Amino acid sequence: MSVAAYRQSLRDTASPRQLERKVLAQVTAELEAAGADTDGFARVHAVDRNRRLWGVLVADLAGPDNLLPDQLKAGLISLGLWVNRYSGDVLTKGSPLAPLIDVNRTVMQGLAGGNNAAA
């Protein structure tokens, strides 16, 4: 097995927690780019992608197979519902993207084990 194949194998075996963090980082980067861009479509696309991601996370958290503690699940589900509502405000009222970015970064830090790595 070549070194490149071995490295790819390691990347493919990331934990669910690592994958969730990676997707959150990608979506957060899109939100940041959209905030710096004047293109309205980029903003809509980034907010929609973030909203869909949080919808998937909430559905997973609410599922019977999710083993997180109930209090943590409830808090994250509440956060997901807030993301959905606030995303509507971003799209209809022009509210800033920063609160969505901050929430994602905080969750990413939690997924990283609470260290200060934000991306």
PDB file of N, CA and C in Angstrom:
ATOM      1  N   MET A   1       0.858  -1.173   0.000  1.00  0.00           N
ATOM      2  CA  MET A   1       0.000   0.000   0.000  1.00  0.00           C
ATOM      3  C   MET A   1       0.903   1.235   0.000  1.00  0.00           C
ATOM      4  N   SER A   2       0.603   2.163  -0.859  1.00  0.00           N
ATOM      5  CA  SER A   2       1.408   3.382  -0.935  1.00  0.00           C
ATOM      6  C   SER A   2       1.079   4.309   0.229  1.00  0.00           C
ATOM      7  N   VAL A   3       1.978   5.229   0.488  1.00  0.00           N
ATOM      8  CA  VAL A   3       1.774   6.204   1.557  1.00  0.00           C
ATOM      9  C   VAL A   3       0.529   7.042   1.271  1.00  0.00           C
ATOM     10  N   ALA A   4       0.324   7.430   0.021  1.00  0.00           N
ATOM     11  CA  ALA A   4      -0.847   8.234  -0.346  1.00  0.00           C
ATOM     12  C   ALA A   4      -2.136   7.465  -0.068  1.00  0.00           C
ATOM     13  N   ALA A   5      -2.163   6.201  -0.399  1.00  0.00           N
ATOM     14  CA  ALA A   5      -3.350   5.383  -0.154  1.00  0.00           C
ATOM     15  C   ALA A   5      -3.604   5.241   1.346  1.00  0.00           C
ATOM     16  N   TYR A   6      -2.524   5.084   2.108  1.00  0.00           N
ATOM     17  CA  TYR A   6      -2.646   4.978   3.562  1.00  0.00           C
ATOM     18  C   TYR A   6      -3.224   6.273   4.144  1.00  0.00           C
ATOM     19  N   ARG A   7      -2.718   7.408   3.683  1.00  0.00           N
ATOM     20  CA  ARG A   7      -3.231   8.696   4.166  1.00  0.00           C
ATOM     21  C   ARG A   7      -4.702   8.873   3.802  1.00  0.00           C
ATOM     22  N   GLN A   8      -5.072   8.472   2.595  1.00  0.00           N
ATOM     23  CA  GLN A   8      -6.477   8.564   2.189  1.00  0.00           C
ATOM     24  C   GLN A   8      -7.334   7.683   3.078  1.00  0.00           C
ATOM     25  N   SER A   9      -6.846   6.502   3.404  1.00  0.00           N
ATOM     26  CA  SER A   9      -7.572   5.593   4.281  1.00  0.00           C
ATOM     27  C   SER A   9      -7.797   6.221   5.650  1.00  0.00           C
ATOM     28  N   LEU A  10      -6.792   6.904   6.166  1.00  0.00           N
ATOM     29  CA  LEU A  10      -6.944   7.591   7.447  1.00  0.00           C
ATOM     30  C   LEU A  10      -8.001   8.687   7.367  1.00  0.00           C
ATOM     31  N   ARG A  11      -8.006   9.435   6.258  1.00  0.00           N
ATOM     32  CA  ARG A  11      -9.006  10.501   6.090  1.00  0.00           C
ATOM     33  C   ARG A  11     -10.407   9.917   5.986  1.00  0.00           C
ATOM     34  N   ASP A  12     -10.525   8.763   5.358  1.00  0.00           N
ATOM     35  CA  ASP A  12     -11.831   8.143   5.161  1.00  0.00           C
ATOM     36  C   ASP A  12     -12.389   7.530   6.435  1.00  0.00           C
ATOM     37  N   THR A  13     -11.552   7.348   7.443  1.00  0.00           N
ATOM     38  CA  THR A  13     -12.000   6.719   8.677  1.00  0.00           C
ATOM     39  C   THR A  13     -12.162   7.727   9.806  1.00  0.00           C
ATOM     40  N   ALA A  14     -12.443   8.945   9.472  1.00  0.00           N
ATOM     41  CA  ALA A  14     -12.672   9.975  10.477  1.00  0.00           C
ATOM     42  C   ALA A  14     -13.899   9.608  11.307  1.00  0.00           C
ATOM     43  N   SER A  15     -13.883  10.011  12.552  1.00  0.00           N
ATOM     44  CA  SER A  15     -15.025   9.741  13.431  1.00  0.00           C
ATOM     45  C   SER A  15     -16.212  10.611  13.024  1.00  0.00           C
ATOM     46  N   PRO A  16     -17.408  10.223  13.420  1.00  0.00           N
ATOM     47  CA  PRO A  16     -18.570  11.076  13.131  1.00  0.00           C
ATOM     48  C   PRO A  16     -18.393  12.491  13.691  1.00  0.00           C
ATOM     49  N   ARG A  17     -17.789  12.590  14.845  1.00  0.00           N
ATOM     50  CA  ARG A  17     -17.542  13.890  15.460  1.00  0.00           C
ATOM     51  C   ARG A  17     -16.620  14.742  14.585  1.00  0.00           C
ATOM     52  N   GLN A  18     -15.566  14.119  14.044  1.00  0.00           N
ATOM     53  CA  GLN A  18     -14.637  14.831  13.155  1.00  0.00           C
ATOM     54  C   GLN A  18     -15.339  15.251  11.868  1.00  0.00           C
ATOM     55  N   LEU A  19     -16.182  14.379  11.340  1.00  0.00           N
ATOM     56  CA  LEU A  19     -16.913  14.708  10.111  1.00  0.00           C
ATOM     57  C   LEU A  19     -17.892  15.857  10.339  1.00  0.00           C
ATOM     58  N   GLU A  20     -18.586  15.824  11.470  1.00  0.00           N
ATOM     59  CA  GLU A  20     -19.513  16.908  11.792  1.00  0.00           C
ATOM     60  C   GLU A  20     -18.760  18.234  11.894  1.00  0.00           C
ATOM     61  N   ARG A  21     -17.613  18.199  12.541  1.00  0.00           N
ATOM     62  CA  ARG A  21     -16.804  19.414  12.687  1.00  0.00           C
ATOM     63  C   ARG A  21     -16.325  19.920  11.329  1.00  0.00           C
ATOM     64  N   LYS A  22     -15.933  18.988  10.472  1.00  0.00           N
ATOM     65  CA  LYS A  22     -15.445  19.370   9.140  1.00  0.00           C
ATOM     66  C   LYS A  22     -16.560  20.031   8.320  1.00  0.00           C
ATOM     67  N   VAL A  23     -17.751  19.462   8.350  1.00  0.00           N
ATOM     68  CA  VAL A  23     -18.871  20.039   7.600  1.00  0.00           C
ATOM     69  C   VAL A  23     -19.251  21.395   8.189  1.00  0.00           C
ATOM     70  N   LEU A  24     -19.280  21.500   9.513  1.00  0.00           N
ATOM     71  CA  LEU A  24     -19.560  22.794  10.141  1.00  0.00           C
ATOM     72  C   LEU A  24     -18.523  23.831   9.730  1.00  0.00           C
ATOM     73  N   ALA A  25     -17.267  23.432   9.658  1.00  0.00           N
ATOM     74  CA  ALA A  25     -16.202  24.359   9.254  1.00  0.00           C
ATOM     75  C   ALA A  25     -16.406  24.820   7.811  1.00  0.00           C
ATOM     76  N   GLN A  26     -16.791  23.915   6.940  1.00  0.00           N
ATOM     77  CA  GLN A  26     -17.032  24.273   5.539  1.00  0.00           C
ATOM     78  C   GLN A  26     -18.195  25.251   5.416  1.00  0.00           C
ATOM     79  N   VAL A  27     -19.279  24.960   6.107  1.00  0.00           N
ATOM     80  CA  VAL A  27     -20.463  25.813   6.045  1.00  0.00           C
ATOM     81  C   VAL A  27     -20.169  27.175   6.676  1.00  0.00           C
ATOM     82  N   THR A  28     -19.419  27.173   7.766  1.00  0.00           N
ATOM     83  CA  THR A  28     -19.061  28.427   8.422  1.00  0.00           C
ATOM     84  C   THR A  28     -18.184  29.283   7.512  1.00  0.00           C
ATOM     85  N   ALA A  29     -17.261  28.652   6.813  1.00  0.00           N
ATOM     86  CA  ALA A  29     -16.417  29.386   5.857  1.00  0.00           C
ATOM     87  C   ALA A  29     -17.279  30.007   4.759  1.00  0.00           C
ATOM     88  N   GLU A  30     -18.306  29.304   4.312  1.00  0.00           N
ATOM     89  CA  GLU A  30     -19.223  29.865   3.303  1.00  0.00           C
ATOM     90  C   GLU A  30     -19.968  31.069   3.864  1.00  0.00           C
ATOM     91  N   LEU A  31     -20.414  30.979   5.125  1.00  0.00           N
ATOM     92  CA  LEU A  31     -21.099  32.112   5.752  1.00  0.00           C
ATOM     93  C   LEU A  31     -20.173  33.318   5.845  1.00  0.00           C
ATOM     94  N   GLU A  32     -18.927  33.079   6.238  1.00  0.00           N
ATOM     95  CA  GLU A  32     -17.966  34.179   6.347  1.00  0.00           C
ATOM     96  C   GLU A  32     -17.706  34.816   4.993  1.00  0.00           C
ATOM     97  N   ALA A  33     -17.541  33.992   3.970  1.00  0.00           N
ATOM     98  CA  ALA A  33     -17.305  34.522   2.626  1.00  0.00           C
ATOM     99  C   ALA A  33     -18.522  35.300   2.136  1.00  0.00           C
ATOM    100  N   ALA A  34     -19.699  34.790   2.427  1.00  0.00           N
ATOM    101  CA  ALA A  34     -20.924  35.467   1.999  1.00  0.00           C
ATOM    102  C   ALA A  34     -21.088  36.806   2.708  1.00  0.00           C
ATOM    103  N   GLY A  35     -20.621  36.896   3.947  1.00  0.00           N
ATOM    104  CA  GLY A  35     -20.703  38.147   4.689  1.00  0.00           C
ATOM    105  C   GLY A  35     -19.793  39.215   4.116  1.00  0.00           C
ATOM    106  N   ALA A  36     -18.716  38.787   3.481  1.00  0.00           N
ATOM    107  CA  ALA A  36     -17.763  39.726   2.894  1.00  0.00           C
ATOM    108  C   ALA A  36     -18.075  40.029   1.433  1.00  0.00           C
ATOM    109  N   ASP A  37     -19.042  39.326   0.880  1.00  0.00           N
ATOM    110  CA  ASP A  37     -19.377  39.442  -0.540  1.00  0.00           C
ATOM    111  C   ASP A  37     -20.658  40.260  -0.692  1.00  0.00           C
ATOM    112  N   THR A  38     -20.777  40.985  -1.764  1.00  0.00           N
ATOM    113  CA  THR A  38     -21.994  41.751  -2.020  1.00  0.00           C
ATOM    114  C   THR A  38     -23.001  40.955  -2.840  1.00  0.00           C
ATOM    115  N   ASP A  39     -22.635  39.748  -3.204  1.00  0.00           N
ATOM    116  CA  ASP A  39     -23.503  38.886  -3.999  1.00  0.00           C
ATOM    117  C   ASP A  39     -24.611  38.314  -3.114  1.00  0.00           C
ATOM    118  N   GLY A  40     -25.834  38.742  -3.361  1.00  0.00           N
ATOM    119  CA  GLY A  40     -26.974  38.272  -2.585  1.00  0.00           C
ATOM    120  C   GLY A  40     -27.197  36.774  -2.712  1.00  0.00           C
ATOM    121  N   PHE A  41     -26.889  36.224  -3.880  1.00  0.00           N
ATOM    122  CA  PHE A  41     -27.066  34.779  -4.071  1.00  0.00           C
ATOM    123  C   PHE A  41     -26.134  33.998  -3.158  1.00  0.00           C
ATOM    124  N   ALA A  42     -24.901  34.450  -2.993  1.00  0.00           N
ATOM    125  CA  ALA A  42     -23.944  33.762  -2.121  1.00  0.00           C
ATOM    126  C   ALA A  42     -24.460  33.747  -0.686  1.00  0.00           C
ATOM    127  N   ARG A  43     -25.043  34.842  -0.265  1.00  0.00           N
ATOM    128  CA  ARG A  43     -25.614  34.936   1.092  1.00  0.00           C
ATOM    129  C   ARG A  43     -26.768  33.964   1.259  1.00  0.00           C
ATOM    130  N   VAL A  44     -27.676  33.950   0.300  1.00  0.00           N
ATOM    131  CA  VAL A  44     -28.821  33.036   0.358  1.00  0.00           C
ATOM    132  C   VAL A  44     -28.348  31.587   0.368  1.00  0.00           C
ATOM    133  N   HIS A  45     -27.403  31.273  -0.505  1.00  0.00           N
ATOM    134  CA  HIS A  45     -26.893  29.905  -0.587  1.00  0.00           C
ATOM    135  C   HIS A  45     -26.227  29.476   0.726  1.00  0.00           C
ATOM    136  N   ALA A  46     -25.399  30.332   1.301  1.00  0.00           N
ATOM    137  CA  ALA A  46     -24.693  29.995   2.540  1.00  0.00           C
ATOM    138  C   ALA A  46     -25.672  29.818   3.702  1.00  0.00           C
ATOM    139  N   VAL A  47     -26.633  30.709   3.806  1.00  0.00           N
ATOM    140  CA  VAL A  47     -27.620  30.612   4.890  1.00  0.00           C
ATOM    141  C   VAL A  47     -28.477  29.363   4.706  1.00  0.00           C
ATOM    142  N   ASP A  48     -28.857  29.077   3.479  1.00  0.00           N
ATOM    143  CA  ASP A  48     -29.659  27.877   3.208  1.00  0.00           C
ATOM    144  C   ASP A  48     -28.881  26.615   3.554  1.00  0.00           C
ATOM    145  N   ARG A  49     -27.614  26.577   3.172  1.00  0.00           N
ATOM    146  CA  ARG A  49     -26.796  25.393   3.469  1.00  0.00           C
ATOM    147  C   ARG A  49     -26.636  25.214   4.980  1.00  0.00           C
ATOM    148  N   ASN A  50     -26.421  26.316   5.696  1.00  0.00           N
ATOM    149  CA  ASN A  50     -26.302  26.246   7.147  1.00  0.00           C
ATOM    150  C   ASN A  50     -27.613  25.763   7.769  1.00  0.00           C
ATOM    151  N   ARG A  51     -28.712  26.294   7.289  1.00  0.00           N
ATOM    152  CA  ARG A  51     -30.025  25.915   7.813  1.00  0.00           C
ATOM    153  C   ARG A  51     -30.294  24.430   7.568  1.00  0.00           C
ATOM    154  N   ARG A  52     -29.950  23.944   6.373  1.00  0.00           N
ATOM    155  CA  ARG A  52     -30.155  22.519   6.081  1.00  0.00           C
ATOM    156  C   ARG A  52     -29.260  21.643   6.952  1.00  0.00           C
ATOM    157  N   LEU A  53     -28.013  22.073   7.159  1.00  0.00           N
ATOM    158  CA  LEU A  53     -27.115  21.309   8.027  1.00  0.00           C
ATOM    159  C   LEU A  53     -27.701  21.200   9.426  1.00  0.00           C
ATOM    160  N   TRP A  54     -28.147  22.313   9.963  1.00  0.00           N
ATOM    161  CA  TRP A  54     -28.723  22.284  11.302  1.00  0.00           C
ATOM    162  C   TRP A  54     -30.005  21.446  11.340  1.00  0.00           C
ATOM    163  N   GLY A  55     -30.759  21.417  10.254  1.00  0.00           N
ATOM    164  CA  GLY A  55     -31.939  20.551  10.194  1.00  0.00           C
ATOM    165  C   GLY A  55     -31.557  19.083  10.319  1.00  0.00           C
ATOM    166  N   VAL A  56     -30.485  18.706   9.650  1.00  0.00           N
ATOM    167  CA  VAL A  56     -29.991  17.326   9.734  1.00  0.00           C
ATOM    168  C   VAL A  56     -29.499  17.030  11.151  1.00  0.00           C
ATOM    169  N   LEU A  57     -28.770  17.976  11.732  1.00  0.00           N
ATOM    170  CA  LEU A  57     -28.267  17.784  13.093  1.00  0.00           C
ATOM    171  C   LEU A  57     -29.413  17.624  14.085  1.00  0.00           C
ATOM    172  N   VAL A  58     -30.437  18.463  13.966  1.00  0.00           N
ATOM    173  CA  VAL A  58     -31.591  18.385  14.866  1.00  0.00           C
ATOM    174  C   VAL A  58     -32.306  17.049  14.695  1.00  0.00           C
ATOM    175  N   ALA A  59     -32.483  16.610  13.468  1.00  0.00           N
ATOM    176  CA  ALA A  59     -33.143  15.318  13.233  1.00  0.00           C
ATOM    177  C   ALA A  59     -32.345  14.185  13.867  1.00  0.00           C
ATOM    178  N   ASP A  60     -31.015  14.243  13.742  1.00  0.00           N
ATOM    179  CA  ASP A  60     -30.176  13.214  14.357  1.00  0.00           C
ATOM    180  C   ASP A  60     -30.274  13.275  15.879  1.00  0.00           C
ATOM    181  N   LEU A  61     -30.233  14.473  16.425  1.00  0.00           N
ATOM    182  CA  LEU A  61     -30.323  14.630  17.877  1.00  0.00           C
ATOM    183  C   LEU A  61     -31.644  14.115  18.428  1.00  0.00           C
ATOM    184  N   ALA A  62     -32.715  14.269  17.672  1.00  0.00           N
ATOM    185  CA  ALA A  62     -34.039  13.859  18.124  1.00  0.00           C
ATOM    186  C   ALA A  62     -34.286  12.362  17.932  1.00  0.00           C
ATOM    187  N   GLY A  63     -33.412  11.703  17.196  1.00  0.00           N
ATOM    188  CA  GLY A  63     -33.594  10.279  16.919  1.00  0.00           C
ATOM    189  C   GLY A  63     -33.331   9.399  18.132  1.00  0.00           C
ATOM    190  N   PRO A  64     -33.958   8.250  18.163  1.00  0.00           N
ATOM    191  CA  PRO A  64     -33.819   7.342  19.311  1.00  0.00           C
ATOM    192  C   PRO A  64     -32.420   6.731  19.448  1.00  0.00           C
ATOM    193  N   ASP A  65     -31.639   6.738  18.386  1.00  0.00           N
ATOM    194  CA  ASP A  65     -30.310   6.134  18.432  1.00  0.00           C
ATOM    195  C   ASP A  65     -29.229   7.094  18.909  1.00  0.00           C
ATOM    196  N   ASN A  66     -29.563   8.363  19.104  1.00  0.00           N
ATOM    197  CA  ASN A  66     -28.568   9.341  19.541  1.00  0.00           C
ATOM    198  C   ASN A  66     -28.267   9.111  21.018  1.00  0.00           C
ATOM    199  N   LEU A  67     -26.989   8.918  21.335  1.00  0.00           N
ATOM    200  CA  LEU A  67     -26.581   8.549  22.689  1.00  0.00           C
ATOM    201  C   LEU A  67     -26.075   9.717  23.533  1.00  0.00           C
ATOM    202  N   LEU A  68     -26.178  10.936  23.027  1.00  0.00           N
ATOM    203  CA  LEU A  68     -25.769  12.089  23.829  1.00  0.00           C
ATOM    204  C   LEU A  68     -26.681  12.217  25.049  1.00  0.00           C
ATOM    205  N   PRO A  69     -26.195  12.813  26.114  1.00  0.00           N
ATOM    206  CA  PRO A  69     -27.055  13.048  27.277  1.00  0.00           C
ATOM    207  C   PRO A  69     -28.259  13.915  26.896  1.00  0.00           C
ATOM    208  N   ASP A  70     -29.394  13.615  27.519  1.00  0.00           N
ATOM    209  CA  ASP A  70     -30.643  14.309  27.172  1.00  0.00           C
ATOM    210  C   ASP A  70     -30.533  15.826  27.294  1.00  0.00           C
ATOM    211  N   GLN A  71     -29.862  16.309  28.321  1.00  0.00           N
ATOM    212  CA  GLN A  71     -29.742  17.759  28.509  1.00  0.00           C
ATOM    213  C   GLN A  71     -28.946  18.394  27.369  1.00  0.00           C
ATOM    214  N   LEU A  72     -27.877  17.738  26.935  1.00  0.00           N
ATOM    215  CA  LEU A  72     -27.081  18.248  25.823  1.00  0.00           C
ATOM    216  C   LEU A  72     -27.888  18.211  24.529  1.00  0.00           C
ATOM    217  N   LYS A  73     -28.602  17.117  24.303  1.00  0.00           N
ATOM    218  CA  LYS A  73     -29.443  17.026  23.096  1.00  0.00           C
ATOM    219  C   LYS A  73     -30.476  18.146  23.085  1.00  0.00           C
ATOM    220  N   ALA A  74     -31.132  18.358  24.217  1.00  0.00           N
ATOM    221  CA  ALA A  74     -32.164  19.401  24.287  1.00  0.00           C
ATOM    222  C   ALA A  74     -31.568  20.773  23.987  1.00  0.00           C
ATOM    223  N   GLY A  75     -30.398  21.048  24.546  1.00  0.00           N
ATOM    224  CA  GLY A  75     -29.752  22.338  24.295  1.00  0.00           C
ATOM    225  C   GLY A  75     -29.383  22.523  22.839  1.00  0.00           C
ATOM    226  N   LEU A  76     -28.848  21.474  22.224  1.00  0.00           N
ATOM    227  CA  LEU A  76     -28.463  21.565  20.809  1.00  0.00           C
ATOM    228  C   LEU A  76     -29.683  21.658  19.901  1.00  0.00           C
ATOM    229  N   ILE A  77     -30.749  20.942  20.248  1.00  0.00           N
ATOM    230  CA  ILE A  77     -31.984  21.042  19.458  1.00  0.00           C
ATOM    231  C   ILE A  77     -32.537  22.462  19.555  1.00  0.00           C
ATOM    232  N   SER A  78     -32.535  23.018  20.748  1.00  0.00           N
ATOM    233  CA  SER A  78     -32.989  24.404  20.922  1.00  0.00           C
ATOM    234  C   SER A  78     -32.146  25.364  20.093  1.00  0.00           C
ATOM    235  N   LEU A  79     -30.842  25.140  20.096  1.00  0.00           N
ATOM    236  CA  LEU A  79     -29.943  25.965  19.296  1.00  0.00           C
ATOM    237  C   LEU A  79     -30.264  25.826  17.805  1.00  0.00           C
ATOM    238  N   GLY A  80     -30.531  24.606  17.369  1.00  0.00           N
ATOM    239  CA  GLY A  80     -30.890  24.367  15.971  1.00  0.00           C
ATOM    240  C   GLY A  80     -32.180  25.073  15.578  1.00  0.00           C
ATOM    241  N   LEU A  81     -33.148  25.080  16.480  1.00  0.00           N
ATOM    242  CA  LEU A  81     -34.407  25.781  16.197  1.00  0.00           C
ATOM    243  C   LEU A  81     -34.170  27.285  16.110  1.00  0.00           C
ATOM    244  N   TRP A  82     -33.295  27.805  16.981  1.00  0.00           N
ATOM    245  CA  TRP A  82     -32.946  29.223  16.907  1.00  0.00           C
ATOM    246  C   TRP A  82     -32.260  29.534  15.572  1.00  0.00           C
ATOM    247  N   VAL A  83     -31.325  28.671  15.154  1.00  0.00           N
ATOM    248  CA  VAL A  83     -30.635  28.876  13.871  1.00  0.00           C
ATOM    249  C   VAL A  83     -31.657  28.966  12.749  1.00  0.00           C
ATOM    250  N   ASN A  84     -32.651  28.107  12.765  1.00  0.00           N
ATOM    251  CA  ASN A  84     -33.678  28.123  11.724  1.00  0.00           C
ATOM    252  C   ASN A  84     -34.449  29.445  11.722  1.00  0.00           C
ATOM    253  N   ARG A  85     -34.877  29.885  12.910  1.00  0.00           N
ATOM    254  CA  ARG A  85     -35.621  31.156  13.003  1.00  0.00           C
ATOM    255  C   ARG A  85     -34.756  32.345  12.597  1.00  0.00           C
ATOM    256  N   TYR A  86     -33.532  32.389  13.129  1.00  0.00           N
ATOM    257  CA  TYR A  86     -32.665  33.526  12.840  1.00  0.00           C
ATOM    258  C   TYR A  86     -32.270  33.556  11.365  1.00  0.00           C
ATOM    259  N   SER A  87     -32.126  32.403  10.754  1.00  0.00           N
ATOM    260  CA  SER A  87     -31.806  32.353   9.323  1.00  0.00           C
ATOM    261  C   SER A  87     -32.891  33.044   8.507  1.00  0.00           C
ATOM    262  N   GLY A  88     -34.134  32.870   8.926  1.00  0.00           N
ATOM    263  CA  GLY A  88     -35.232  33.579   8.271  1.00  0.00           C
ATOM    264  C   GLY A  88     -35.064  35.081   8.395  1.00  0.00           C
ATOM    265  N   ASP A  89     -34.625  35.545   9.566  1.00  0.00           N
ATOM    266  CA  ASP A  89     -34.386  36.975   9.761  1.00  0.00           C
ATOM    267  C   ASP A  89     -33.245  37.472   8.876  1.00  0.00           C
ATOM    268  N   VAL A  90     -32.221  36.656   8.719  1.00  0.00           N
ATOM    269  CA  VAL A  90     -31.099  37.035   7.854  1.00  0.00           C
ATOM    270  C   VAL A  90     -31.588  37.231   6.429  1.00  0.00           C
ATOM    271  N   LEU A  91     -32.419  36.316   5.976  1.00  0.00           N
ATOM    272  CA  LEU A  91     -32.870  36.358   4.580  1.00  0.00           C
ATOM    273  C   LEU A  91     -33.954  37.399   4.329  1.00  0.00           C
ATOM    274  N   THR A  92     -34.809  37.650   5.304  1.00  0.00           N
ATOM    275  CA  THR A  92     -35.922  38.570   5.064  1.00  0.00           C
ATOM    276  C   THR A  92     -35.685  39.978   5.593  1.00  0.00           C
ATOM    277  N   LYS A  93     -34.888  40.094   6.658  1.00  0.00           N
ATOM    278  CA  LYS A  93     -34.681  41.396   7.291  1.00  0.00           C
ATOM    279  C   LYS A  93     -33.259  41.914   7.140  1.00  0.00           C
ATOM    280  N   GLY A  94     -32.387  41.100   6.560  1.00  0.00           N
ATOM    281  CA  GLY A  94     -30.998  41.525   6.406  1.00  0.00           C
ATOM    282  C   GLY A  94     -30.193  41.491   7.695  1.00  0.00           C
ATOM    283  N   SER A  95     -30.638  40.679   8.658  1.00  0.00           N
ATOM    284  CA  SER A  95     -29.892  40.556   9.915  1.00  0.00           C
ATOM    285  C   SER A  95     -28.477  40.065   9.635  1.00  0.00           C
ATOM    286  N   PRO A  96     -27.533  40.411  10.504  1.00  0.00           N
ATOM    287  CA  PRO A  96     -26.134  40.031  10.255  1.00  0.00           C
ATOM    288  C   PRO A  96     -25.901  38.521  10.356  1.00  0.00           C
ATOM    289  N   LEU A  97     -24.873  38.064   9.657  1.00  0.00           N
ATOM    290  CA  LEU A  97     -24.495  36.654   9.663  1.00  0.00           C
ATOM    291  C   LEU A  97     -23.683  36.271  10.895  1.00  0.00           C
ATOM    292  N   ALA A  98     -23.086  37.239  11.560  1.00  0.00           N
ATOM    293  CA  ALA A  98     -22.161  36.962  12.664  1.00  0.00           C
ATOM    294  C   ALA A  98     -22.728  36.031  13.740  1.00  0.00           C
ATOM    295  N   PRO A  99     -23.984  36.180  14.178  1.00  0.00           N
ATOM    296  CA  PRO A  99     -24.482  35.246  15.199  1.00  0.00           C
ATOM    297  C   PRO A  99     -24.502  33.784  14.719  1.00  0.00           C
ATOM    298  N   LEU A 100     -24.820  33.557  13.457  1.00  0.00           N
ATOM    299  CA  LEU A 100     -24.791  32.183  12.930  1.00  0.00           C
ATOM    300  C   LEU A 100     -23.362  31.641  12.921  1.00  0.00           C
ATOM    301  N   ILE A 101     -22.437  32.482  12.529  1.00  0.00           N
ATOM    302  CA  ILE A 101     -21.021  32.088  12.496  1.00  0.00           C
ATOM    303  C   ILE A 101     -20.534  31.787  13.911  1.00  0.00           C
ATOM    304  N   ASP A 102     -20.905  32.625  14.862  1.00  0.00           N
ATOM    305  CA  ASP A 102     -20.489  32.423  16.253  1.00  0.00           C
ATOM    306  C   ASP A 102     -21.022  31.108  16.817  1.00  0.00           C
ATOM    307  N   VAL A 103     -22.280  30.805  16.536  1.00  0.00           N
ATOM    308  CA  VAL A 103     -22.873  29.550  17.012  1.00  0.00           C
ATOM    309  C   VAL A 103     -22.121  28.363  16.423  1.00  0.00           C
ATOM    310  N   ASN A 104     -21.870  28.404  15.121  1.00  0.00           N
ATOM    311  CA  ASN A 104     -21.155  27.298  14.481  1.00  0.00           C
ATOM    312  C   ASN A 104     -19.760  27.124  15.078  1.00  0.00           C
ATOM    313  N   ARG A 105     -19.071  28.225  15.288  1.00  0.00           N
ATOM    314  CA  ARG A 105     -17.710  28.144  15.841  1.00  0.00           C
ATOM    315  C   ARG A 105     -17.722  27.561  17.260  1.00  0.00           C
ATOM    316  N   THR A 106     -18.694  27.941  18.045  1.00  0.00           N
ATOM    317  CA  THR A 106     -18.806  27.413  19.402  1.00  0.00           C
ATOM    318  C   THR A 106     -19.046  25.904  19.376  1.00  0.00           C
ATOM    319  N   VAL A 107     -19.928  25.455  18.510  1.00  0.00           N
ATOM    320  CA  VAL A 107     -20.200  24.019  18.400  1.00  0.00           C
ATOM    321  C   VAL A 107     -18.965  23.291  17.879  1.00  0.00           C
ATOM    322  N   MET A 108     -18.253  23.899  16.931  1.00  0.00           N
ATOM    323  CA  MET A 108     -17.018  23.285  16.421  1.00  0.00           C
ATOM    324  C   MET A 108     -15.997  23.123  17.542  1.00  0.00           C
ATOM    325  N   GLN A 109     -15.891  24.105  18.418  1.00  0.00           N
ATOM    326  CA  GLN A 109     -14.970  23.995  19.549  1.00  0.00           C
ATOM    327  C   GLN A 109     -15.368  22.840  20.459  1.00  0.00           C
ATOM    328  N   GLY A 110     -16.667  22.691  20.680  1.00  0.00           N
ATOM    329  CA  GLY A 110     -17.147  21.565  21.482  1.00  0.00           C
ATOM    330  C   GLY A 110     -16.825  20.228  20.836  1.00  0.00           C
ATOM    331  N   LEU A 111     -16.992  20.151  19.542  1.00  0.00           N
ATOM    332  CA  LEU A 111     -16.669  18.911  18.814  1.00  0.00           C
ATOM    333  C   LEU A 111     -15.179  18.610  18.830  1.00  0.00           C
ATOM    334  N   ALA A 112     -14.367  19.660  18.970  1.00  0.00           N
ATOM    335  CA  ALA A 112     -12.918  19.478  19.013  1.00  0.00           C
ATOM    336  C   ALA A 112     -12.453  19.110  20.416  1.00  0.00           C
ATOM    337  N   GLY A 113     -13.386  18.962  21.330  1.00  0.00           N
ATOM    338  CA  GLY A 113     -13.016  18.603  22.683  1.00  0.00           C
ATOM    339  C   GLY A 113     -12.815  19.795  23.581  1.00  0.00           C
ATOM    340  N   GLY A 114     -13.353  20.940  23.173  1.00  0.00           N
ATOM    341  CA  GLY A 114     -13.296  22.125  24.002  1.00  0.00           C
ATOM    342  C   GLY A 114     -12.026  22.929  23.870  1.00  0.00           C
ATOM    343  N   ASN A 115     -11.110  22.523  22.986  1.00  0.00           N
ATOM    344  CA  ASN A 115      -9.904  23.339  22.832  1.00  0.00           C
ATOM    345  C   ASN A 115     -10.226  24.567  21.999  1.00  0.00           C
ATOM    346  N   ASN A 116      -9.273  25.404  21.772  1.00  0.00           N
ATOM    347  CA  ASN A 116      -9.511  26.674  21.102  1.00  0.00           C
ATOM    348  C   ASN A 116      -9.377  26.595  19.601  1.00  0.00           C
ATOM    349  N   ALA A 117      -9.235  25.426  19.025  1.00  0.00           N
ATOM    350  CA  ALA A 117      -9.155  25.305  17.570  1.00  0.00           C
ATOM    351  C   ALA A 117     -10.509  25.611  16.980  1.00  0.00           C
ATOM    352  N   ALA A 118     -10.581  26.609  16.130  1.00  0.00           N
ATOM    353  CA  ALA A 118     -11.872  27.033  15.586  1.00  0.00           C
ATOM    354  C   ALA A 118     -12.120  26.519  14.197  1.00  0.00           C
ATOM    355  N   ALA A 119     -11.159  25.943  13.545  1.00  0.00           N
ATOM    356  CA  ALA A 119     -11.404  25.459  12.181  1.00  0.00           C
ATOM    357  C   ALA A 119     -10.644  24.202  11.909  1.00  0.00           C
TER     358      ALA A 119
END
